[in-house]
Protein backbone atom coordinates (compact mmCIF):
# COMPACT_ATOMS: atom_id res chain seq x y z
CA UNK A 1 -9.66 61.52 -69.64
CA UNK A 2 -9.45 59.04 -66.75
CA UNK A 3 -9.88 60.49 -63.34
CA UNK A 4 -6.75 59.76 -61.10
CA UNK A 5 -7.27 58.75 -57.47
CA UNK A 6 -4.45 58.73 -54.99
CA UNK A 7 -4.91 56.14 -52.29
CA UNK A 8 -2.84 56.64 -49.15
CA UNK A 9 -2.40 53.42 -47.35
CA UNK A 10 -2.49 49.88 -48.81
CA UNK A 11 -4.19 47.68 -46.25
CA UNK A 12 -7.50 46.14 -46.74
CA UNK A 13 -9.18 49.61 -46.95
CA UNK A 14 -6.79 50.91 -49.50
CA UNK A 15 -6.87 47.76 -51.56
CA UNK A 16 -10.66 47.70 -51.53
CA UNK A 17 -11.02 51.13 -52.66
CA UNK A 18 -8.50 50.52 -55.47
CA UNK A 19 -10.49 47.43 -56.52
CA UNK A 20 -13.67 49.05 -56.86
CA UNK A 21 -12.25 52.13 -58.68
CA UNK A 22 -9.97 50.11 -61.02
CA UNK A 23 -12.89 47.89 -62.08
CA UNK A 24 -14.76 51.06 -62.93
CA UNK A 25 -11.76 52.36 -65.17
CA UNK A 26 -10.17 54.91 -62.89
CA UNK A 27 -6.47 55.59 -62.82
CA UNK A 28 -5.38 54.37 -59.40
CA UNK A 29 -2.19 54.77 -57.38
CA UNK A 30 -1.64 53.11 -53.90
CA UNK A 31 1.09 54.20 -51.44
CA UNK A 32 1.78 51.71 -48.73
CA UNK A 33 4.34 52.32 -45.97
CA UNK A 34 5.27 48.67 -45.28
CA UNK A 35 7.27 46.38 -47.55
CA UNK A 36 4.62 43.75 -47.47
CA UNK A 37 0.99 44.54 -48.71
CA UNK A 38 -2.09 44.03 -46.68
CA UNK A 39 -1.63 46.34 -43.55
CA UNK A 40 -2.93 44.77 -40.35
CA UNK A 41 -4.29 41.83 -42.42
CA UNK A 42 -0.94 40.80 -43.81
CA UNK A 43 1.20 37.61 -43.06
CA UNK A 44 4.86 37.72 -43.18
CA UNK A 45 8.01 35.41 -43.56
CA UNK A 46 9.96 34.73 -40.44
CA UNK A 47 13.08 35.97 -42.04
CA UNK A 48 16.21 33.59 -41.91
CA UNK A 49 14.35 30.62 -40.64
CA UNK A 50 14.47 28.71 -43.95
CA UNK A 51 17.49 26.66 -44.49
CA UNK A 52 18.78 24.07 -46.99
CA UNK A 53 16.54 25.41 -49.66
CA UNK A 54 13.37 25.46 -47.50
CA UNK A 55 10.96 28.43 -47.33
CA UNK A 56 11.05 30.87 -44.31
CA UNK A 57 8.37 29.93 -41.68
CA UNK A 58 5.04 31.84 -42.25
CA UNK A 59 4.12 34.42 -39.61
CA UNK A 60 0.95 36.29 -39.11
CA UNK A 61 0.08 39.86 -37.60
CA UNK A 62 -2.65 37.78 -36.01
CA UNK A 63 -4.89 34.91 -36.98
CA UNK A 64 -7.64 35.70 -39.42
CA UNK A 65 -11.37 35.43 -38.51
CA UNK A 66 -14.11 35.75 -41.12
CA UNK A 67 -17.37 35.50 -39.22
CA UNK A 68 -20.52 34.39 -41.28
CA UNK A 69 -22.22 37.83 -40.83
CA UNK A 70 -19.43 39.44 -42.98
CA UNK A 71 -20.95 40.69 -46.16
CA UNK A 72 -18.86 43.33 -47.84
CA UNK A 73 -15.47 41.40 -47.75
CA UNK A 74 -16.77 38.17 -49.00
CA UNK A 75 -18.22 39.98 -51.97
CA UNK A 76 -14.88 41.53 -52.86
CA UNK A 77 -13.00 38.25 -52.20
CA UNK A 78 -15.16 36.55 -54.82
CA UNK A 79 -13.90 38.90 -57.42
CA UNK A 80 -10.14 38.12 -56.74
CA UNK A 81 -9.07 35.35 -59.17
CA UNK A 82 -7.30 32.37 -57.66
CA UNK A 83 -6.43 29.43 -59.71
CA UNK A 84 -9.39 27.32 -60.68
CA UNK A 85 -11.56 28.60 -57.88
CA UNK A 86 -15.04 29.53 -58.99
CA UNK A 87 -15.29 32.09 -56.37
CA UNK A 88 -11.78 33.27 -56.43
CA UNK A 89 -10.12 33.66 -53.04
CA UNK A 90 -13.37 33.30 -51.29
CA UNK A 91 -13.16 29.63 -51.85
CA UNK A 92 -9.88 29.63 -49.74
CA UNK A 93 -12.09 30.16 -46.64
CA UNK A 94 -12.87 27.09 -44.73
CA UNK A 95 -15.22 26.47 -41.77
CA UNK A 96 -13.93 26.23 -38.30
CA UNK A 97 -16.76 24.10 -36.84
CA UNK A 98 -16.03 24.23 -33.13
CA UNK A 99 -14.60 26.61 -30.41
CA UNK A 100 -12.83 25.80 -27.26
CA UNK A 101 -13.11 27.62 -24.04
CA UNK A 102 -10.18 26.99 -21.82
CA UNK A 103 -9.92 27.80 -18.12
CA UNK A 104 -7.11 27.58 -15.49
CA UNK A 105 -7.05 24.14 -13.87
CA UNK A 106 -10.33 23.07 -15.62
CA UNK A 107 -11.01 20.79 -18.78
CA UNK A 108 -11.34 22.72 -22.04
CA UNK A 109 -14.92 23.10 -23.09
CA UNK A 110 -15.50 22.52 -26.79
CA UNK A 111 -18.75 23.92 -28.33
CA UNK A 112 -20.30 23.43 -31.69
CA UNK A 113 -20.09 26.48 -33.85
CA UNK A 114 -22.96 25.78 -36.36
CA UNK A 115 -26.56 24.63 -36.41
CA UNK A 116 -26.54 20.80 -35.90
CA UNK A 117 -26.91 18.98 -39.10
CA UNK A 118 -26.80 15.33 -37.76
CA UNK A 119 -27.62 13.30 -34.61
CA UNK A 120 -23.97 13.26 -33.76
CA UNK A 121 -24.02 17.04 -33.79
CA UNK A 122 -27.09 17.18 -31.47
CA UNK A 123 -25.35 14.81 -29.10
CA UNK A 124 -22.04 16.72 -29.09
CA UNK A 125 -23.94 19.94 -28.43
CA UNK A 126 -25.79 18.49 -25.39
CA UNK A 127 -22.86 16.77 -23.97
CA UNK A 128 -20.62 19.89 -24.43
CA UNK A 129 -23.14 22.24 -22.72
CA UNK A 130 -23.55 19.77 -19.76
CA UNK A 131 -19.84 19.25 -19.31
CA UNK A 132 -19.05 23.02 -19.68
CA UNK A 133 -20.42 23.90 -16.25
CA UNK A 134 -19.90 27.55 -16.50
CA UNK A 135 -21.64 28.14 -13.29
CA UNK A 136 -24.22 30.54 -14.41
CA UNK A 137 -27.46 30.64 -12.41
CA UNK A 138 -30.94 30.57 -13.99
CA UNK A 139 -31.26 34.19 -13.00
CA UNK A 140 -27.99 34.97 -14.78
CA UNK A 141 -29.28 33.19 -17.94
CA UNK A 142 -32.58 34.98 -17.79
CA UNK A 143 -30.77 38.41 -17.41
CA UNK A 144 -28.34 37.72 -20.16
CA UNK A 145 -31.24 36.81 -22.45
CA UNK A 146 -33.13 40.02 -21.55
CA UNK A 147 -30.04 42.14 -22.50
CA UNK A 148 -29.55 40.27 -25.72
CA UNK A 149 -33.22 40.78 -26.64
CA UNK A 150 -32.83 44.58 -25.87
CA UNK A 151 -29.94 44.75 -28.34
CA UNK A 152 -31.82 42.72 -31.05
CA UNK A 153 -35.17 44.56 -30.71
CA UNK A 154 -33.78 48.12 -30.50
CA UNK A 155 -34.04 50.37 -33.51
CA UNK A 156 -30.82 51.73 -34.97
CA UNK A 157 -31.59 55.22 -34.03
CA UNK A 158 -31.88 54.30 -30.30
CA UNK A 159 -28.69 52.27 -30.48
CA UNK A 160 -26.75 55.29 -31.84
CA UNK A 161 -28.24 57.71 -29.39
CA UNK A 162 -28.25 55.60 -26.29
CA UNK A 163 -26.04 52.51 -26.48
CA UNK A 164 -23.02 54.34 -27.85
CA UNK A 165 -22.89 56.41 -24.77
CA UNK A 166 -22.90 53.54 -22.21
CA UNK A 167 -20.39 50.88 -21.70
CA UNK A 168 -20.97 47.32 -22.11
CA UNK A 169 -20.13 46.67 -18.51
CA UNK A 170 -22.82 49.35 -17.34
CA UNK A 171 -25.43 48.09 -20.05
CA UNK A 172 -25.07 44.59 -18.55
CA UNK A 173 -25.30 45.90 -15.04
CA UNK A 174 -22.31 43.75 -14.28
CA UNK A 175 -21.60 45.12 -10.93
CA UNK A 176 -24.82 43.60 -9.80
CA UNK A 177 -24.19 40.17 -11.37
CA UNK A 178 -22.23 37.16 -10.34
CA UNK A 179 -18.57 36.69 -10.98
CA UNK A 180 -19.39 33.95 -13.47
CA UNK A 181 -21.76 36.19 -15.39
CA UNK A 182 -19.01 38.88 -15.52
CA UNK A 183 -16.35 36.53 -16.76
CA UNK A 184 -18.47 34.66 -19.36
CA UNK A 185 -20.89 37.22 -20.65
CA UNK A 186 -19.14 40.54 -20.19
CA UNK A 187 -15.34 40.28 -19.77
CA UNK A 188 -15.11 38.06 -22.85
CA UNK A 189 -15.13 41.11 -24.99
CA UNK A 190 -11.27 41.41 -24.34
CA UNK A 191 -10.62 38.38 -26.50
CA UNK A 192 -13.05 39.48 -29.26
CA UNK A 193 -11.85 42.87 -30.22
CA UNK A 194 -9.32 43.83 -27.62
CA UNK A 195 -12.15 45.90 -26.02
CA UNK A 196 -12.44 46.26 -22.37
CA UNK A 197 -16.01 45.91 -21.19
CA UNK A 198 -15.83 49.06 -18.92
CA UNK A 199 -14.62 51.19 -21.81
CA UNK A 200 -16.28 49.80 -25.10
CA UNK A 201 -19.72 50.98 -26.03
CA UNK A 202 -22.62 48.65 -25.62
CA UNK A 203 -23.84 49.13 -29.27
CA UNK A 204 -20.77 47.85 -30.80
CA UNK A 205 -20.15 45.05 -28.57
CA UNK A 206 -23.91 44.21 -28.25
CA UNK A 207 -24.45 44.00 -32.05
CA UNK A 208 -21.49 41.57 -32.67
CA UNK A 209 -22.31 39.25 -29.69
CA UNK A 210 -26.03 39.01 -30.65
CA UNK A 211 -25.13 38.38 -34.42
CA UNK A 212 -22.58 35.57 -33.43
CA UNK A 213 -25.34 34.19 -31.30
CA UNK A 214 -27.99 34.24 -34.03
CA UNK A 215 -25.50 32.88 -36.61
CA UNK A 216 -24.86 29.91 -34.34
CA UNK A 217 -28.53 28.90 -34.39
CA UNK A 218 -29.24 29.68 -38.10
CA UNK A 219 -29.16 26.64 -40.40
CA UNK A 220 -26.54 27.15 -43.19
CA UNK A 221 -24.45 29.88 -41.67
CA UNK A 222 -20.84 29.33 -41.11
CA UNK A 223 -20.15 31.24 -37.78
CA UNK A 224 -16.30 30.97 -38.11
CA UNK A 225 -14.36 30.81 -41.23
CA UNK A 226 -10.49 30.82 -41.61
CA UNK A 227 -8.13 30.90 -44.59
CA UNK A 228 -6.56 27.66 -45.81
CA UNK A 229 -2.98 28.93 -45.96
CA UNK A 230 -0.86 32.02 -44.94
CA UNK A 231 -2.83 35.18 -45.51
CA UNK A 232 -0.63 36.70 -48.15
CA UNK A 233 -0.16 33.67 -50.12
CA UNK A 234 -3.88 32.74 -50.36
CA UNK A 235 -5.44 36.24 -50.34
CA UNK A 236 -3.43 39.48 -50.20
CA UNK A 237 -0.72 38.65 -52.82
CA UNK A 238 -3.37 37.41 -55.46
CA UNK A 239 -5.28 40.51 -54.82
CA UNK A 240 -2.45 42.83 -55.48
CA UNK A 241 -1.63 40.88 -58.60
CA UNK A 242 -5.33 41.37 -59.71
CA UNK A 243 -5.17 45.03 -58.96
CA UNK A 244 -1.98 45.58 -61.02
CA UNK A 245 -3.51 43.68 -63.80
CA UNK A 246 -6.20 46.42 -63.75
CA UNK A 247 -3.56 48.99 -64.06
CA UNK A 248 -3.28 49.89 -60.38
CA UNK A 249 0.18 51.39 -59.36
CA UNK A 250 0.68 49.85 -55.99
CA UNK A 251 3.77 51.16 -54.32
CA UNK A 252 5.42 49.49 -51.26
CA UNK A 253 7.83 51.11 -48.91
CA UNK A 254 6.13 54.49 -49.79
CA UNK A 255 5.58 56.53 -46.40
CA UNK A 256 2.98 59.38 -46.65
CA UNK A 257 4.65 62.38 -44.70
CA UNK A 258 2.12 65.17 -45.63
CA UNK A 259 -1.20 65.94 -47.12
CA UNK A 260 -1.13 69.37 -48.68
CA UNK A 261 -4.32 71.65 -48.59
CA UNK A 262 -4.74 74.86 -50.45
CA UNK A 263 -7.81 76.88 -50.89
CA UNK A 264 -9.97 74.11 -49.43
CA UNK A 265 -8.80 71.52 -51.79
CA UNK A 266 -6.11 68.87 -51.48
CA UNK A 267 -3.38 69.63 -54.13
CA UNK A 268 -0.80 66.72 -53.33
CA UNK A 269 0.65 64.34 -50.94
CA UNK A 270 4.34 64.01 -49.90
CA UNK A 271 5.71 60.50 -50.22
CA UNK A 272 9.03 59.17 -48.93
CA UNK A 273 10.31 56.11 -50.78
CA UNK A 274 13.69 55.29 -49.30
CA UNK A 275 15.98 58.21 -49.87
CA UNK A 276 13.69 59.62 -52.51
CA UNK A 277 11.08 62.24 -51.65
CA UNK A 278 8.24 63.41 -53.99
CA UNK A 279 4.76 64.73 -54.27
CA UNK A 280 1.94 62.92 -55.97
CA UNK A 281 -1.08 64.45 -57.35
CA UNK A 282 -4.58 63.33 -58.44
CA UNK A 283 -8.06 64.48 -59.01
CA UNK A 284 -9.19 62.67 -55.75
CA UNK A 285 -7.36 61.57 -52.64
CA UNK A 286 -8.53 58.62 -50.34
CA UNK A 287 -6.78 58.47 -47.07
CA UNK A 288 -6.89 54.74 -45.98
CA UNK A 289 -4.37 55.02 -43.10
CA UNK A 290 -5.03 54.06 -39.49
CA UNK A 291 -6.71 56.69 -37.27
CA UNK A 292 -3.57 57.57 -35.21
CA UNK A 293 -1.56 58.07 -38.32
CA UNK A 294 -4.28 60.03 -40.29
CA UNK A 295 -4.68 62.25 -37.12
CA UNK A 296 -0.97 63.38 -37.38
CA UNK A 297 -1.51 64.28 -41.17
CA UNK A 298 -4.41 66.66 -40.44
CA UNK A 299 -2.77 69.98 -40.95
CA UNK A 300 -4.14 73.43 -39.83
CA UNK A 301 -5.18 74.00 -43.42
CA UNK A 302 -7.06 70.81 -43.52
CA UNK A 303 -8.81 71.33 -40.24
CA UNK A 304 -9.75 74.77 -41.24
CA UNK A 305 -11.52 73.47 -44.47
CA UNK A 306 -13.29 70.78 -42.39
CA UNK A 307 -13.34 71.33 -38.77
CA UNK A 308 -15.03 68.06 -38.07
CA UNK A 309 -11.66 66.35 -38.70
CA UNK A 310 -10.29 67.93 -35.57
CA UNK A 311 -11.95 65.06 -33.72
CA UNK A 312 -9.49 62.63 -35.20
CA UNK A 313 -6.94 63.76 -32.72
CA UNK A 314 -9.02 62.61 -29.83
CA UNK A 315 -10.27 59.44 -31.68
CA UNK A 316 -6.56 58.63 -32.32
CA UNK A 317 -6.25 57.99 -28.50
CA UNK A 318 -8.98 55.37 -28.61
CA UNK A 319 -6.71 52.54 -29.52
CA UNK A 320 -5.41 49.40 -27.75
CA UNK A 321 -3.03 46.44 -28.54
CA UNK A 322 -4.05 43.10 -30.12
CA UNK A 323 -1.07 41.36 -31.64
CA UNK A 324 -0.10 37.83 -32.74
CA UNK A 325 2.66 35.39 -31.65
CA UNK A 326 3.21 32.01 -33.20
CA UNK A 327 4.69 28.97 -31.60
CA UNK A 328 6.22 26.47 -34.05
CA UNK A 329 6.04 23.07 -32.79
CA UNK A 330 7.61 19.68 -33.55
CA UNK A 331 4.12 17.99 -33.35
CA UNK A 332 0.81 19.02 -34.88
CA UNK A 333 -0.95 19.88 -31.73
CA UNK A 334 -4.76 20.23 -32.02
CA UNK A 335 -6.60 21.82 -29.10
CA UNK A 336 -9.98 22.37 -30.92
CA UNK A 337 -11.34 22.52 -34.42
CA UNK A 338 -11.29 26.13 -34.29
CA UNK A 339 -10.46 29.09 -32.18
CA UNK A 340 -9.90 28.70 -28.40
CA UNK A 341 -10.59 31.43 -26.04
CA UNK A 342 -8.57 31.40 -22.62
CA UNK A 343 -11.11 32.57 -20.21
CA UNK A 344 -8.86 33.10 -17.33
CA UNK A 345 -5.76 34.21 -18.98
CA UNK A 346 -4.69 37.64 -17.66
CA UNK A 347 -3.49 38.62 -21.18
CA UNK A 348 -6.84 37.61 -22.83
CA UNK A 349 -5.28 35.06 -25.20
CA UNK A 350 -6.94 33.38 -28.09
CA UNK A 351 -5.49 30.76 -30.35
CA UNK A 352 -5.76 28.54 -33.30
CA UNK A 353 -3.93 25.53 -34.50
CA UNK A 354 -3.37 26.40 -38.01
CA UNK A 355 -2.14 23.08 -39.74
CA UNK A 356 -5.49 21.48 -39.43
CA UNK A 357 -6.76 24.13 -41.93
CA UNK A 358 -3.68 24.40 -44.14
CA UNK A 359 -4.14 21.07 -45.98
CA UNK A 360 -2.01 21.94 -48.85
CA UNK A 361 0.89 23.08 -46.90
CA UNK A 362 3.67 20.57 -45.84
CA UNK A 363 5.32 22.38 -42.94
CA UNK A 364 8.33 20.04 -43.36
CA UNK A 365 9.19 22.26 -46.40
CA UNK A 366 9.42 25.36 -44.17
CA UNK A 367 12.15 26.48 -41.75
CA UNK A 368 14.54 23.77 -40.65
CA UNK A 369 12.24 20.93 -41.56
CA UNK A 370 11.36 20.02 -37.89
CA UNK A 371 8.19 22.05 -37.66
CA UNK A 372 4.86 19.97 -37.96
CA UNK A 373 2.50 22.47 -36.24
CA UNK A 374 1.67 26.11 -35.76
CA UNK A 375 -0.11 27.41 -32.78
CA UNK A 376 -1.13 31.06 -33.61
CA UNK A 377 -2.03 33.11 -30.55
CA UNK A 378 -3.42 36.61 -30.15
CA UNK A 379 -2.50 38.72 -27.15
CA UNK A 380 -5.46 41.12 -26.42
CA UNK A 381 -4.64 42.57 -23.06
CA UNK A 382 -1.20 44.26 -22.63
CA UNK A 383 -1.89 46.03 -19.42
CA UNK A 384 -2.68 43.22 -16.89
CA UNK A 385 0.09 41.55 -14.97
CA UNK A 386 0.98 37.98 -15.99
CA UNK A 387 1.30 34.80 -14.05
CA UNK A 388 5.09 34.36 -14.37
CA UNK A 389 6.69 37.73 -14.22
CA UNK A 390 3.93 39.74 -12.61
CA UNK A 391 4.32 42.38 -15.38
CA UNK A 392 2.04 43.47 -18.12
CA UNK A 393 2.94 42.43 -21.57
CA UNK A 394 3.99 45.95 -22.63
CA UNK A 395 6.57 46.04 -19.72
CA UNK A 396 8.12 42.48 -20.81
CA UNK A 397 10.94 41.75 -23.00
CA UNK A 398 10.41 39.57 -26.12
CA UNK A 399 11.69 36.48 -24.40
CA UNK A 400 9.43 37.16 -21.29
CA UNK A 401 6.37 37.50 -23.50
CA UNK A 402 7.12 34.24 -25.12
CA UNK A 403 7.59 32.54 -21.64
CA UNK A 404 4.46 34.30 -20.16
CA UNK A 405 2.22 33.41 -23.09
CA UNK A 406 3.34 29.65 -23.26
CA UNK A 407 2.84 29.36 -19.55
CA UNK A 408 -0.71 30.81 -19.61
CA UNK A 409 -1.60 28.44 -22.43
CA UNK A 410 -0.26 25.33 -20.58
CA UNK A 411 -1.94 26.37 -17.39
CA UNK A 412 -5.37 26.47 -19.46
CA UNK A 413 -4.75 23.42 -21.51
CA UNK A 414 -2.60 20.83 -19.59
CA UNK A 415 -5.24 20.07 -17.06
CA UNK A 416 -6.17 16.75 -15.25
CA UNK A 417 -2.94 15.03 -16.37
CA UNK A 418 -3.31 16.22 -20.10
CA UNK A 419 0.25 16.88 -21.37
CA UNK A 420 -0.74 18.42 -24.77
CA UNK A 421 1.55 21.43 -24.69
CA UNK A 422 5.21 20.44 -24.11
CA UNK A 423 8.12 22.74 -23.65
CA UNK A 424 10.46 20.45 -25.72
CA UNK A 425 8.01 20.73 -28.70
CA UNK A 426 8.70 24.44 -29.30
CA UNK A 427 11.07 25.10 -32.13
CA UNK A 428 10.78 28.67 -31.85
CA UNK A 429 8.27 31.49 -31.43
CA UNK A 430 7.58 34.66 -33.59
CA UNK A 431 6.15 37.86 -32.23
CA UNK A 432 4.62 40.45 -34.72
CA UNK A 433 7.37 42.87 -35.57
CA UNK A 434 4.96 45.71 -34.93
CA UNK A 435 5.91 45.24 -31.38
CA UNK A 436 9.05 47.29 -31.15
CA UNK A 437 11.35 47.12 -28.15
CA UNK A 438 12.88 50.62 -27.85
CA UNK A 439 14.97 49.87 -24.96
CA UNK A 440 14.73 47.69 -21.86
CA UNK A 441 12.07 50.03 -20.32
CA UNK A 442 9.89 50.91 -23.39
CA UNK A 443 7.87 48.84 -25.83
CA UNK A 444 5.74 50.33 -28.55
CA UNK A 445 3.08 49.06 -30.98
CA UNK A 446 3.33 50.63 -34.27
CA UNK A 447 -0.11 49.22 -35.48
CA UNK A 448 -2.57 49.40 -32.51
CA UNK A 449 -6.24 48.62 -32.99
CA UNK A 450 -9.15 51.15 -32.76
CA UNK A 451 -11.51 50.33 -29.97
CA UNK A 452 -15.12 51.82 -30.20
CA UNK A 453 -15.29 53.41 -26.62
CA UNK A 454 -18.05 54.97 -25.03
CA UNK A 455 -18.85 58.51 -26.65
CA UNK A 456 -16.51 58.16 -29.53
CA UNK A 457 -19.33 57.74 -32.22
CA UNK A 458 -19.50 61.57 -32.52
CA UNK A 459 -15.84 61.79 -33.24
CA UNK A 460 -15.97 59.24 -36.24
CA UNK A 461 -16.24 60.99 -39.45
CA UNK A 462 -18.00 59.95 -42.64
CA UNK A 463 -16.24 58.62 -45.64
CA UNK A 464 -16.66 61.98 -47.45
CA UNK A 465 -15.37 65.23 -46.09
CA UNK A 466 -16.19 68.99 -46.61
CA UNK A 467 -12.92 69.05 -48.68
CA UNK A 468 -14.46 68.11 -52.05
CA UNK A 469 -11.54 65.83 -53.24
CA UNK A 470 -10.55 64.25 -49.88
CA UNK A 471 -12.24 61.09 -48.70
CA UNK A 472 -11.65 58.71 -45.82
CA UNK A 473 -11.44 54.93 -46.02
CA UNK A 474 -10.50 53.12 -42.80
CA UNK A 475 -11.92 51.18 -39.91
CA UNK A 476 -12.66 54.36 -37.86
CA UNK A 477 -15.09 55.60 -40.48
CA UNK A 478 -18.84 55.54 -39.81
CA UNK A 479 -20.20 52.30 -41.11
CA UNK A 480 -23.01 49.91 -40.76
CA UNK A 481 -20.15 47.28 -39.59
CA UNK A 482 -19.25 49.62 -36.70
CA UNK A 483 -16.22 47.69 -35.70
CA UNK A 484 -12.43 47.85 -36.33
CA UNK A 485 -12.19 44.81 -38.53
CA UNK A 486 -11.39 43.89 -42.23
CA UNK A 487 -15.12 44.06 -42.97
CA UNK A 488 -15.41 47.52 -41.51
CA UNK A 489 -12.41 48.69 -43.56
CA UNK A 490 -13.88 47.23 -46.81
CA UNK A 491 -17.27 48.95 -46.07
CA UNK A 492 -15.61 52.19 -45.48
CA UNK A 493 -13.72 51.93 -48.77
CA UNK A 494 -16.96 51.35 -50.62
CA UNK A 495 -18.45 54.46 -49.16
CA UNK A 496 -15.40 56.59 -50.04
CA UNK A 497 -15.59 55.23 -53.60
CA UNK A 498 -19.35 55.80 -53.79
CA UNK A 499 -18.80 59.39 -52.86
CA UNK A 500 -16.30 59.78 -55.64
CA UNK A 501 -18.65 57.98 -58.16
CA UNK A 502 -21.52 60.35 -57.11
CA UNK A 503 -19.20 63.37 -57.79
CA UNK A 504 -18.46 61.93 -61.21
CA UNK A 505 -22.10 61.24 -61.78
CA UNK A 506 -21.77 57.50 -61.86
CA UNK A 507 -24.85 56.94 -59.69
CA UNK A 508 -25.93 53.88 -61.66
CA UNK A 509 -22.68 52.03 -60.68
CA UNK A 510 -22.40 52.39 -56.97
CA UNK A 511 -20.80 49.84 -54.69
CA UNK A 512 -23.32 47.87 -52.65
CA UNK A 513 -23.58 48.68 -48.95
CA UNK A 514 -25.06 45.93 -46.87
CA UNK A 515 -27.20 46.26 -43.76
CA UNK A 516 -25.66 44.61 -40.64
CA UNK A 517 -27.06 43.20 -37.40
CA UNK A 518 -30.70 43.69 -38.39
CA UNK A 519 -32.44 40.24 -38.50
CA UNK A 520 -35.37 40.44 -40.85
CA UNK A 521 -37.55 38.34 -38.36
CA UNK A 522 -37.26 41.13 -35.79
CA UNK A 523 -38.10 43.97 -38.25
CA UNK A 524 -41.62 44.57 -36.62
CA UNK A 525 -40.01 44.76 -33.08
CA UNK A 526 -37.59 47.37 -34.34
CA UNK A 527 -40.25 49.21 -36.02
CA UNK A 528 -42.37 49.39 -32.90
CA UNK A 529 -39.29 50.60 -30.98
CA UNK A 530 -38.57 53.32 -33.69
CA UNK A 531 -42.03 54.66 -33.03
CA UNK A 532 -41.53 54.73 -29.27
CA UNK A 533 -38.11 56.44 -29.88
CA UNK A 534 -39.62 59.15 -32.01
CA UNK A 535 -42.06 59.85 -29.27
CA UNK A 536 -39.33 60.08 -26.56
CA UNK A 537 -40.41 56.76 -24.92
CA UNK A 538 -38.06 54.11 -23.53
CA UNK A 539 -37.34 50.65 -24.94
CA UNK A 540 -39.97 48.11 -23.96
CA UNK A 541 -39.04 45.06 -25.94
CA UNK A 542 -42.75 44.46 -27.07
CA UNK A 543 -44.20 43.91 -30.41
CA UNK A 544 -46.74 46.76 -29.77
CA UNK A 545 -48.04 48.54 -26.72
CA UNK A 546 -50.74 50.92 -25.72
CA UNK A 547 -48.21 53.74 -25.16
């Protein structure tokens, strides 16, 4: 008899769990609240924009970013068939070779995002570093190197015990450093993962920043990869099709309203589909919903069966907003061959010009036929007042958000007579519908992003629980990835599936779990630090010492 697994949530975590289970012969059903698959990774049509037989314009929850250090998600993507691609949808990833760093009233600095492979690359790298002029002193550079080395050479146990309990700001001693150091090395965390440096823990931010740095100087590593078309078209929809070919029952518009626990076991989950309400049952249940949603589903009976899950209520408050807005332009504007970070923008903007990577998509066949370029922007700070209306994004109307973002972009890009971003080029803009304008005085985000704040590691559960048939698969679960990303969601799903497989005595067919942020070349330093940690000694960054 096939074991049935009920998966609550059809984002990357839910789809990853379904993928692993279905390939191993389980009976799988997925229940996704939205009418479009993919969760926070999805793209969506801008409904009503396609006229005269054209398709609706493609919109995104936020632009996709697949760093070179991702391991779990690429492995899954290679197993999703796509046309004649040898490696499935993984072959739909293309390298973004450069990154722009834009500042108010200063020319944009464009940096190389891979190890130089030619004389031209070397020359470009030298010229870009000289022209960037970030204002860092020699002392700033040496101190930054010291902090990066501390992260790289610390053992995992010390990171968990010490670095999760201190903010990135305090770890970098930012109060004692220059403003340039604060802006470039510390505050840039806002644009990476919507994390404020004074709140996010040093382990999470330090691991990601050092890994990106190492990838940039490692030959053959593609630091920044993006999809070659709208997310659902080149990834999520083919994924759902593959899952359904394996027998997965993937339900859209299916809201989970309750999880029922009796005598220490999950006995069912209530689902609402339109006007219909019903209870689904299975042998195992995987909750792959966001933390703030999961917390509301933790009943007294569930908490009584596993008291550690009570921490989800507090963890559910550790979220912030990071949401996309697209500007559809009459020209194919290209700011940089990759992502652009807007260093001085109060709303912590990042952007990418999509069309340069969507080679097989003629935008003239979308919308009203006028669009030739898409500038996709993420807004990562919704609390700081803007430069036009003097209000934070969450206090603005949809039109005010459009105006404010566009003006912050122009102030960063149109510098020294450059007239790249023009008002007359904007056909329309599209703000993620997750931003809901309840009334003129209240705006909510129905899909916020988890931020790994100081002291929250202890609140984060494992993928398995003390309830023998309940498992958790979402980006808040304890993982090696340790970041609220698609990679973290995929790893969490693998861990949940492995717990089910172990219960079914499938130990010989477990999902692979990869180590993260542990460069092999520094293994001896980490080993030395582990010896010191076990003796209660502080980090010293050496290969060996007399202590």
